[in-house]
Amino acid sequence: MAIYTINSRVIFNDQMGSLSLTEGREDPTILAAPASRLLILLIKNNNKVLTRDEILTEVWENHGLVASSNNLYHYISVIRKSLASLGEDNIIVTLPKVGFSMKALSIVTESEEKKNVLPYVEEVLDKQDLHKIKLTENNTHIKKKPFNFVSYKRNIAIAAGFCILLVIILVIFLSYYKSNQVYFNYPPIDKINNCNIYPLKKALPGLDNLAVNEVKSKLEKYKLDCNRDANVYFSNERGYKLIYYCTLLSGTIPNPQDCFNIIVDDEVSL
């Protein structure tokens, strides 16, 4: 798992396939598995040109999937719109008849951020303070303090209180995170065979009959299998209609890696 910070603004979690702002003001955008793999490839080759054949091989063929230019253009468009909604426009450049390239000013991984902490601390401390620290560490004549049982008990109590506080914070965080997941456990608004139809978010108003019929027609058009257990989510939040189709391998909550999406609009802007 890796977490990438793009232009100090956007955070991409490659395990979750999620895009979000560093300030965390909005719900994260969850990418389908092919889009997530495509974005990882672009990030790892920032400021490099990737040909169409290289991308199709890495994102589809190496994963046992059939590659096509239509899928490539579709997911490039999805990534562009997702990044633009977070304030990063024109970050992915098309090179006609060649391929694509990401042009981020900076991409930092979580491990690189941790590596940069020590040099920063050393800059803050002046040479005299560092010299004093080294003298203290090398002083072999420091007398050991006698064991203080009262202080020991106090430290144990402080540590226990800190652990309890940490557990409370973790429980609150998990409750908040779960409440803001894309997939909710609430009744479907309609059903086709074994396909349950939902609005993408519980907070959205229910779909009208026209929208439900449109979802049904797209399921038939793209021959999506409703003879197996699956959830179908519909959204029109970002100016275009989007259908997520997620098979249920176990339980009732789908894994984002088992989902793919369809843009309902006939034309997709690249």
Protein backbone atom coordinates (compact mmCIF):
# COMPACT_ATOMS: atom_id res chain seq x y z
CA MET A 1 0.00 0.00 0.00
CA ALA A 2 1.21 3.52 -0.78
CA ILE A 3 -0.24 6.97 -0.26
CA TYR A 4 0.75 9.68 -2.73
CA THR A 5 0.37 13.45 -2.24
CA ILE A 6 0.00 15.20 -5.61
CA ASN A 7 0.95 18.90 -5.77
CA SER A 8 0.51 19.14 -1.98
CA ARG A 9 -3.26 19.15 -2.59
CA VAL A 10 -4.62 15.73 -3.57
CA ILE A 11 -4.09 12.44 -1.72
CA PHE A 12 -4.30 9.14 -3.64
CA ASN A 13 -4.52 5.89 -1.66
CA ASP A 14 -3.66 3.09 -4.09
CA GLN A 15 -5.12 0.34 -1.86
CA MET A 16 -8.52 2.00 -1.54
CA GLY A 17 -8.35 3.54 -5.02
CA SER A 18 -9.47 6.82 -3.41
CA LEU A 19 -8.78 10.46 -4.28
CA SER A 20 -9.32 13.18 -1.68
CA LEU A 21 -8.12 16.63 -0.66
CA THR A 22 -5.38 16.93 1.94
CA GLU A 23 -7.76 19.07 4.02
CA GLY A 24 -10.37 16.29 3.87
CA ARG A 25 -13.32 18.64 3.31
CA GLU A 26 -15.21 16.27 0.99
CA ASP A 27 -15.95 12.56 0.71
CA PRO A 28 -13.22 10.67 -1.18
CA THR A 29 -13.75 9.74 -4.82
CA ILE A 30 -13.44 5.96 -5.31
CA LEU A 31 -11.91 4.89 -8.64
CA ALA A 32 -12.62 1.57 -10.34
CA ALA A 33 -9.76 -0.95 -10.35
CA PRO A 34 -8.57 -0.19 -13.95
CA ALA A 35 -8.64 3.56 -13.28
CA SER A 36 -6.69 3.05 -10.06
CA ARG A 37 -4.02 0.98 -11.83
CA LEU A 38 -3.81 3.56 -14.62
CA LEU A 39 -3.34 6.43 -12.15
CA ILE A 40 -0.61 4.51 -10.27
CA LEU A 41 1.23 3.98 -13.58
CA LEU A 42 0.99 7.70 -14.43
CA ILE A 43 2.17 8.72 -10.95
CA LYS A 44 5.17 6.40 -11.02
CA ASN A 45 6.12 7.81 -14.43
CA ASN A 46 5.44 11.48 -13.69
CA ASN A 47 6.84 13.79 -16.43
CA LYS A 48 7.51 10.75 -18.64
CA VAL A 49 5.67 9.85 -21.84
CA LEU A 50 3.76 6.55 -21.73
CA THR A 51 2.70 5.10 -25.07
CA ARG A 52 -0.74 3.62 -25.60
CA ASP A 53 0.75 0.12 -25.95
CA GLU A 54 2.70 0.45 -22.69
CA ILE A 55 -0.42 1.53 -20.80
CA LEU A 56 -2.66 -1.16 -22.31
CA THR A 57 -0.10 -3.83 -21.43
CA GLU A 58 0.50 -2.69 -17.84
CA VAL A 59 -3.10 -1.86 -16.90
CA TRP A 60 -5.05 -4.57 -18.73
CA GLU A 61 -3.05 -7.34 -20.43
CA ASN A 62 -0.75 -8.05 -17.45
CA HIS A 63 -3.90 -8.54 -15.34
CA GLY A 64 -5.46 -11.02 -17.75
CA LEU A 65 -7.92 -8.49 -19.18
CA VAL A 66 -8.75 -7.56 -22.77
CA ALA A 67 -7.22 -4.17 -23.65
CA SER A 68 -8.93 -1.62 -25.88
CA SER A 69 -8.44 2.02 -26.81
CA ASN A 70 -12.03 2.80 -25.78
CA ASN A 71 -11.34 1.59 -22.22
CA LEU A 72 -8.13 3.62 -22.11
CA TYR A 73 -9.80 6.86 -23.25
CA HIS A 74 -12.73 6.26 -20.92
CA TYR A 75 -10.60 5.85 -17.78
CA ILE A 76 -8.29 8.74 -18.74
CA SER A 77 -11.44 10.87 -18.86
CA VAL A 78 -12.64 9.55 -15.47
CA ILE A 79 -9.27 10.33 -13.84
CA ARG A 80 -9.14 13.81 -15.37
CA LYS A 81 -12.62 14.69 -14.16
CA SER A 82 -11.90 13.32 -10.68
CA LEU A 83 -8.67 15.35 -10.38
CA ALA A 84 -10.35 18.47 -11.82
CA SER A 85 -13.08 18.23 -9.18
CA LEU A 86 -10.30 18.45 -6.57
CA GLY A 87 -8.71 21.52 -8.18
CA GLU A 88 -6.07 19.81 -10.38
CA ASP A 89 -6.95 20.66 -14.00
CA ASN A 90 -4.87 19.72 -17.05
CA ILE A 91 -2.50 17.55 -15.01
CA ILE A 92 -2.70 14.70 -17.56
CA VAL A 93 -1.52 15.65 -21.06
CA THR A 94 -2.47 13.87 -24.28
CA LEU A 95 0.26 13.48 -26.89
CA PRO A 96 -1.58 12.83 -30.18
CA LYS A 97 -0.71 9.50 -31.81
CA VAL A 98 1.79 8.78 -29.01
CA GLY A 99 0.22 8.42 -25.57
CA PHE A 100 -0.20 10.26 -22.28
CA SER A 101 1.93 11.94 -19.63
CA MET A 102 1.30 13.21 -16.09
CA LYS A 103 2.70 16.69 -15.42
CA ALA A 104 2.48 17.05 -11.63
CA LEU A 105 4.78 19.63 -10.04
CA SER A 106 5.38 17.32 -7.08
CA ILE A 107 4.44 13.79 -6.05
CA VAL A 108 5.45 12.69 -2.55
CA THR A 109 4.91 9.26 -1.04
CA GLU A 110 4.25 8.72 2.66
CA SER A 111 7.72 7.17 3.19
CA GLU A 112 9.45 10.18 1.56
CA GLU A 113 7.63 12.58 3.88
CA LYS A 114 8.90 10.61 6.89
CA LYS A 115 12.49 10.62 5.54
CA ASN A 116 12.41 14.41 5.28
CA VAL A 117 11.57 14.97 8.96
CA LEU A 118 15.09 14.49 10.39
CA PRO A 119 16.89 17.02 8.13
CA TYR A 120 14.20 19.56 8.97
CA VAL A 121 14.72 19.05 12.72
CA GLU A 122 18.48 19.40 12.32
CA GLU A 123 17.99 22.71 10.53
CA VAL A 124 15.87 24.05 13.36
CA LEU A 125 18.42 23.19 16.06
CA ASP A 126 21.53 25.33 15.92
CA LYS A 127 25.04 23.84 16.08
CA GLN A 128 25.48 24.71 19.75
CA ASP A 129 22.34 22.79 20.78
CA LEU A 130 23.39 19.79 18.69
CA HIS A 131 26.82 19.87 20.35
CA LYS A 132 25.21 19.84 23.80
CA ILE A 133 23.03 16.89 22.82
CA LYS A 134 26.04 14.88 21.63
CA LEU A 135 27.97 15.69 24.84
CA THR A 136 25.04 14.49 26.91
CA GLU A 137 24.74 11.25 24.92
CA ASN A 138 28.50 10.55 25.31
CA ASN A 139 28.72 11.38 29.02
CA THR A 140 29.52 8.09 30.79
CA HIS A 141 29.66 9.62 34.29
CA ILE A 142 25.98 10.40 34.70
CA LYS A 143 24.69 8.93 37.94
CA LYS A 144 21.68 6.67 37.78
CA LYS A 145 18.67 7.98 39.67
CA PRO A 146 17.20 5.70 42.35
CA PHE A 147 14.01 3.87 41.43
CA ASN A 148 10.93 5.93 42.31
CA PHE A 149 7.90 3.65 42.77
CA VAL A 150 5.41 6.57 42.99
CA SER A 151 6.71 8.07 39.77
CA TYR A 152 6.55 4.62 38.15
CA LYS A 153 2.87 4.22 39.08
CA ARG A 154 2.11 7.72 37.83
CA ASN A 155 3.77 6.97 34.50
CA ILE A 156 1.80 3.71 34.20
CA ALA A 157 -1.43 5.61 34.86
CA ILE A 158 -0.53 8.24 32.25
CA ALA A 159 0.30 5.54 29.70
CA ALA A 160 -2.97 3.71 30.43
CA GLY A 161 -4.94 6.96 30.07
CA PHE A 162 -3.20 7.70 26.79
CA CYS A 163 -4.06 4.21 25.47
CA ILE A 164 -7.72 4.65 26.44
CA LEU A 165 -7.82 8.04 24.73
CA LEU A 166 -6.22 6.53 21.63
CA VAL A 167 -8.84 3.76 21.55
CA ILE A 168 -11.66 6.33 21.86
CA ILE A 169 -10.21 8.40 19.01
CA LEU A 170 -9.87 5.26 16.88
CA VAL A 171 -13.48 4.24 17.53
CA ILE A 172 -14.71 7.75 16.63
CA PHE A 173 -12.61 7.75 13.46
CA LEU A 174 -13.83 4.32 12.37
CA SER A 175 -17.45 5.32 13.04
CA TYR A 176 -17.01 8.50 10.99
CA TYR A 177 -15.20 6.63 8.20
CA LYS A 178 -17.85 3.94 8.04
CA SER A 179 -20.64 6.52 7.95
CA ASN A 180 -18.99 8.23 4.99
CA GLN A 181 -18.34 5.13 2.86
CA VAL A 182 -19.71 5.12 -0.66
CA TYR A 183 -21.71 1.95 -0.05
CA PHE A 184 -24.44 2.04 2.59
CA ASN A 185 -26.56 -0.73 4.05
CA TYR A 186 -30.01 0.58 3.22
CA PRO A 187 -32.92 -0.95 1.24
CA PRO A 188 -32.67 -0.85 -2.59
CA ILE A 189 -35.17 1.29 -4.49
CA ASP A 190 -35.71 -1.39 -7.13
CA LYS A 191 -34.47 -4.83 -8.18
CA ILE A 192 -33.84 -6.69 -11.45
CA ASN A 193 -33.48 -10.43 -10.82
CA ASN A 194 -30.52 -10.51 -8.36
CA CYS A 195 -29.37 -6.91 -9.05
CA ASN A 196 -30.27 -4.42 -6.30
CA ILE A 197 -30.55 -0.80 -7.53
CA TYR A 198 -29.44 2.02 -5.19
CA PRO A 199 -28.69 5.73 -5.39
CA LEU A 200 -24.89 6.01 -4.94
CA LYS A 201 -25.23 7.85 -1.61
CA LYS A 202 -27.94 7.52 1.01
CA ALA A 203 -28.15 11.31 1.38
CA LEU A 204 -29.19 11.73 -2.29
CA PRO A 205 -32.91 11.93 -3.13
CA GLY A 206 -34.46 8.74 -4.42
CA LEU A 207 -34.35 7.99 -8.14
CA ASP A 208 -37.49 8.68 -10.15
CA ASN A 209 -39.02 6.08 -12.45
CA LEU A 210 -37.28 7.62 -15.49
CA ALA A 211 -33.85 7.21 -13.91
CA VAL A 212 -34.62 3.65 -12.78
CA ASN A 213 -35.75 2.72 -16.29
CA GLU A 214 -32.56 4.25 -17.68
CA VAL A 215 -30.47 2.09 -15.32
CA LYS A 216 -32.42 -1.00 -16.38
CA SER A 217 -31.89 -0.24 -20.08
CA LYS A 218 -28.13 0.20 -19.55
CA LEU A 219 -27.93 -3.13 -17.72
CA GLU A 220 -29.54 -4.80 -20.71
CA LYS A 221 -27.44 -2.84 -23.26
CA TYR A 222 -24.11 -3.78 -21.68
CA LYS A 223 -25.31 -7.33 -20.86
CA LEU A 224 -24.49 -6.99 -17.17
CA ASP A 225 -25.20 -10.25 -15.34
CA CYS A 226 -28.14 -9.95 -12.98
CA ASN A 227 -28.44 -13.71 -12.51
CA ARG A 228 -25.73 -13.42 -9.84
CA ASP A 229 -25.89 -11.29 -6.70
CA ALA A 230 -24.86 -7.71 -7.52
CA ASN A 231 -25.46 -4.10 -6.47
CA VAL A 232 -26.01 -1.31 -9.00
CA TYR A 233 -25.40 2.30 -7.89
CA PHE A 234 -26.53 5.37 -9.83
CA SER A 235 -25.12 8.91 -9.56
CA ASN A 236 -25.43 12.21 -11.42
CA GLU A 237 -23.49 14.42 -8.95
CA ARG A 238 -20.62 15.54 -11.20
CA GLY A 239 -22.52 16.75 -14.23
CA TYR A 240 -22.78 13.37 -15.90
CA LYS A 241 -24.66 10.19 -15.12
CA LEU A 242 -22.63 7.28 -13.81
CA ILE A 243 -23.56 3.65 -13.05
CA TYR A 244 -21.46 1.45 -10.75
CA TYR A 245 -21.95 -2.32 -11.14
CA CYS A 246 -20.54 -4.33 -8.22
CA THR A 247 -20.73 -8.11 -7.85
CA LEU A 248 -21.14 -9.48 -4.33
CA LEU A 249 -18.63 -12.22 -3.66
CA SER A 250 -19.65 -12.55 0.01
CA GLY A 251 -22.01 -10.72 2.31
CA THR A 252 -23.86 -7.62 1.14
CA ILE A 253 -21.09 -4.98 0.94
CA PRO A 254 -19.11 -5.00 -2.33
CA ASN A 255 -15.36 -4.49 -2.55
CA PRO A 256 -14.45 -1.49 -4.78
CA GLN A 257 -11.97 -3.80 -6.56
CA ASP A 258 -14.94 -5.92 -7.74
CA CYS A 259 -16.72 -2.93 -9.32
CA PHE A 260 -16.60 -1.09 -12.60
CA ASN A 261 -18.46 1.94 -13.86
CA ILE A 262 -20.33 3.07 -16.97
CA ILE A 263 -20.83 6.69 -18.00
CA VAL A 264 -24.41 6.91 -19.23
CA ASP A 265 -23.84 9.99 -21.45
CA ASP A 266 -23.28 9.10 -25.12
CA GLU A 267 -20.19 11.34 -25.43
CA VAL A 268 -17.35 11.59 -22.94
CA SER A 269 -15.06 14.64 -22.88
CA LEU A 270 -11.36 13.79 -22.99
